[in-house]
Structures are given as structure tokens and as C-alpha cells.
Amino acid sequence: MRISHKRKVQLKLQKRLKGAAVAAKPAAAQPVVKKAPTAETVKAAPAAKPVVEAAKPVEAAAPAAVNVALTPKQQQVLDIVIQHADGINPKGIGLEAGQEDAKAASWATGALKKLVEENLVERIQLAGNKVLYKAL
């Protein structure tokens, strides 16, 4: 009973905060008034020349997307995987990052899942439950 009440209160607060944030944005934005160009500024401006752009060949983008936002931990794991071109297991990644021997593999797996989803790292299944990760 107590937990459900707490959830309801939290939901009401979130709704109230979202509504307040949406209402505050239009009030904060003030219209920008630009001056019309006068005769002096028109005379001083040089005549615009038509710009002819050459057709540029479209280059293939690198597999690592620039728009992917990575946490510092994910970035650290990605750097370690890139250093090992032949592949590295999660325990090796955790040990190289300075984690204890007992929790090294579990420390790296969360970041590795995100990197695999974003197609930055390739997961290679070996015999049994052994896995290697390679950078693409």
C-alpha cells in the first residue's frame, strides 16, 4: 500500500513538472526584432556573385557513427577494444580498465551490449560460452 501511494505521488509530481517546463519555454523566448536594411548598408554591401558548387562524390561514412552519445565507461571500453585488433574477452577488458579479477567481466558487459547495439563492436561467439569482441 505504501509503495503504490509513493508511485502515484511521484507520477503526479512528474506531470506537474513537465507541464511547468513546457509552459515556461514560450514565456522565456522573446521575439527578436531585426532592423530593415537602410540605403547606407545596401550601398556598402558588395554585389553577391553566384556560387557554382562542383558535384562532390558522396563518401561512405565510417562505421562509427558520430551522433552516438557514449558514456565515459562505454568510451573507455571502446578504446580498449580498438587497441586489441585480434579481439578481447569481457574479463580482459575489465582487467585492463583496472577492475578486480572477480568483477572484471560483469563490469564490461553492460557497456559492451550498448556498443554492439550501436554497431561499433562485433560480438564473436566461440566454443561454449566464450566470447570475443572486435572493433568494426
Protein backbone atom coordinates (compact mmCIF):
# COMPACT_ATOMS: atom_id res chain seq x y z
CA MET A 1 0.00 0.00 0.00
CA ARG A 2 2.79 2.41 0.92
CA ILE A 3 4.81 1.83 -2.27
CA SER A 4 1.83 2.30 -4.56
CA HIS A 5 1.00 5.59 -2.84
CA LYS A 6 4.58 6.75 -3.33
CA ARG A 7 4.42 5.86 -7.04
CA LYS A 8 1.21 7.84 -7.50
CA VAL A 9 2.68 10.88 -5.77
CA GLN A 10 5.82 10.68 -7.92
CA LEU A 11 3.77 10.45 -11.12
CA LYS A 12 1.73 13.49 -10.13
CA LEU A 13 4.89 15.46 -9.42
CA GLN A 14 6.43 14.48 -12.76
CA LYS A 15 3.29 15.54 -14.62
CA ARG A 16 3.25 18.85 -12.78
CA LEU A 17 6.95 19.46 -13.52
CA LYS A 18 6.57 18.60 -17.21
CA GLY A 19 3.63 20.96 -17.55
CA ALA A 20 5.52 23.76 -15.82
CA ALA A 21 8.58 23.24 -18.03
CA VAL A 22 6.51 23.36 -21.22
CA ALA A 23 4.68 26.48 -20.11
CA ALA A 24 7.92 28.24 -19.13
CA LYS A 25 9.62 27.81 -22.52
CA PRO A 26 7.36 30.07 -24.61
CA ALA A 27 7.41 32.78 -21.95
CA ALA A 28 11.21 32.77 -21.82
CA ALA A 29 11.65 33.07 -25.58
CA GLN A 30 11.30 36.69 -26.62
CA PRO A 31 10.89 37.70 -30.26
CA VAL A 32 13.99 39.08 -31.93
CA VAL A 33 13.45 42.30 -33.83
CA LYS A 34 15.77 42.82 -36.82
CA LYS A 35 16.34 46.18 -38.41
CA ALA A 36 15.45 46.61 -42.05
CA PRO A 37 18.47 47.33 -44.26
CA THR A 38 18.95 51.02 -44.89
CA ALA A 39 20.28 52.64 -48.06
CA GLU A 40 23.74 53.03 -46.50
CA THR A 41 24.08 49.33 -45.67
CA VAL A 42 22.81 48.31 -49.11
CA LYS A 43 25.38 50.56 -50.84
CA ALA A 44 28.22 49.29 -48.67
CA ALA A 45 27.47 45.62 -49.34
CA PRO A 46 29.31 44.19 -52.35
CA ALA A 47 27.31 42.57 -55.11
CA ALA A 48 26.74 38.90 -54.48
CA LYS A 49 28.32 36.59 -57.03
CA PRO A 50 26.60 33.35 -57.94
CA VAL A 51 28.40 30.42 -56.37
CA VAL A 52 28.76 27.33 -58.52
CA GLU A 53 29.30 24.22 -56.46
CA ALA A 54 31.06 21.32 -58.09
CA ALA A 55 29.40 17.96 -57.74
CA LYS A 56 31.14 16.29 -54.83
CA PRO A 57 31.27 12.50 -54.69
CA VAL A 58 29.47 11.11 -51.67
CA GLU A 59 31.92 9.29 -49.45
CA ALA A 60 30.88 6.35 -47.32
CA ALA A 61 30.65 7.25 -43.67
CA ALA A 62 32.80 5.42 -41.17
CA PRO A 63 31.05 2.61 -39.31
CA ALA A 64 31.46 4.51 -36.04
CA ALA A 65 28.60 6.99 -36.13
CA VAL A 66 29.46 10.47 -34.92
CA ASN A 67 26.00 11.05 -33.45
CA VAL A 68 26.28 8.19 -30.94
CA ALA A 69 26.45 9.51 -27.39
CA LEU A 70 28.63 7.27 -25.25
CA THR A 71 29.14 7.39 -21.52
CA PRO A 72 32.72 7.65 -20.25
CA LYS A 73 32.63 3.96 -19.31
CA GLN A 74 31.41 2.95 -22.79
CA GLN A 75 34.08 5.14 -24.37
CA GLN A 76 36.76 3.54 -22.19
CA VAL A 77 35.58 0.04 -23.16
CA LEU A 78 35.50 1.02 -26.85
CA ASP A 79 39.07 2.35 -26.65
CA ILE A 80 40.27 -0.91 -25.07
CA VAL A 81 38.53 -3.00 -27.75
CA ILE A 82 40.04 -0.85 -30.52
CA GLN A 83 43.53 -1.39 -29.07
CA HIS A 84 43.13 -5.16 -29.41
CA ALA A 85 42.58 -5.77 -33.12
CA ASP A 86 42.57 -9.56 -32.70
CA GLY A 87 39.70 -9.42 -30.21
CA ILE A 88 39.39 -9.39 -26.42
CA ASN A 89 37.06 -11.04 -23.93
CA PRO A 90 35.00 -9.09 -21.35
CA LYS A 91 37.23 -10.17 -18.45
CA GLY A 92 40.30 -8.89 -20.28
CA ILE A 93 38.57 -5.55 -20.89
CA GLY A 94 37.66 -5.21 -17.22
CA LEU A 95 41.16 -6.12 -16.05
CA GLU A 96 42.73 -3.63 -18.45
CA ALA A 97 40.35 -0.96 -17.14
CA GLY A 98 41.64 -1.60 -13.61
CA GLN A 99 38.80 -3.66 -12.16
CA GLU A 100 39.19 -6.51 -9.68
CA ASP A 101 39.58 -10.03 -11.04
CA ALA A 102 36.23 -11.21 -9.61
CA LYS A 103 34.06 -8.47 -11.15
CA ALA A 104 36.02 -7.55 -14.30
CA ALA A 105 33.77 -9.38 -16.78
CA SER A 106 30.48 -8.15 -15.33
CA TRP A 107 31.80 -4.58 -15.25
CA ALA A 108 32.40 -4.58 -19.00
CA THR A 109 29.31 -6.45 -20.25
CA GLY A 110 26.83 -3.58 -19.86
CA ALA A 111 28.93 -1.22 -21.95
CA LEU A 112 29.63 -3.95 -24.49
CA LYS A 113 25.91 -4.56 -25.03
CA LYS A 114 25.38 -0.89 -25.91
CA LEU A 115 28.40 -0.88 -28.24
CA VAL A 116 27.11 -3.98 -30.05
CA GLU A 117 23.66 -2.35 -30.48
CA GLU A 118 25.29 0.74 -31.99
CA ASN A 119 27.37 -1.45 -34.37
CA LEU A 120 30.65 -0.13 -33.01
CA VAL A 121 31.82 -3.54 -31.79
CA GLU A 122 31.35 -7.04 -33.20
CA ARG A 123 30.49 -9.96 -30.90
CA ILE A 124 32.13 -13.26 -31.88
CA GLN A 125 30.81 -16.44 -30.21
CA LEU A 126 33.50 -19.08 -29.71
CA ALA A 127 33.18 -22.66 -28.48
CA GLY A 128 30.96 -22.97 -25.43
CA ASN A 129 30.29 -19.74 -23.59
CA LYS A 130 33.47 -17.95 -24.67
CA VAL A 131 33.01 -14.62 -26.44
CA LEU A 132 35.38 -12.19 -28.11
CA TYR A 133 34.70 -8.58 -29.07
CA LYS A 134 36.33 -6.85 -32.03
CA ALA A 135 36.05 -3.26 -33.21
CA LEU A 136 34.42 -2.75 -36.59
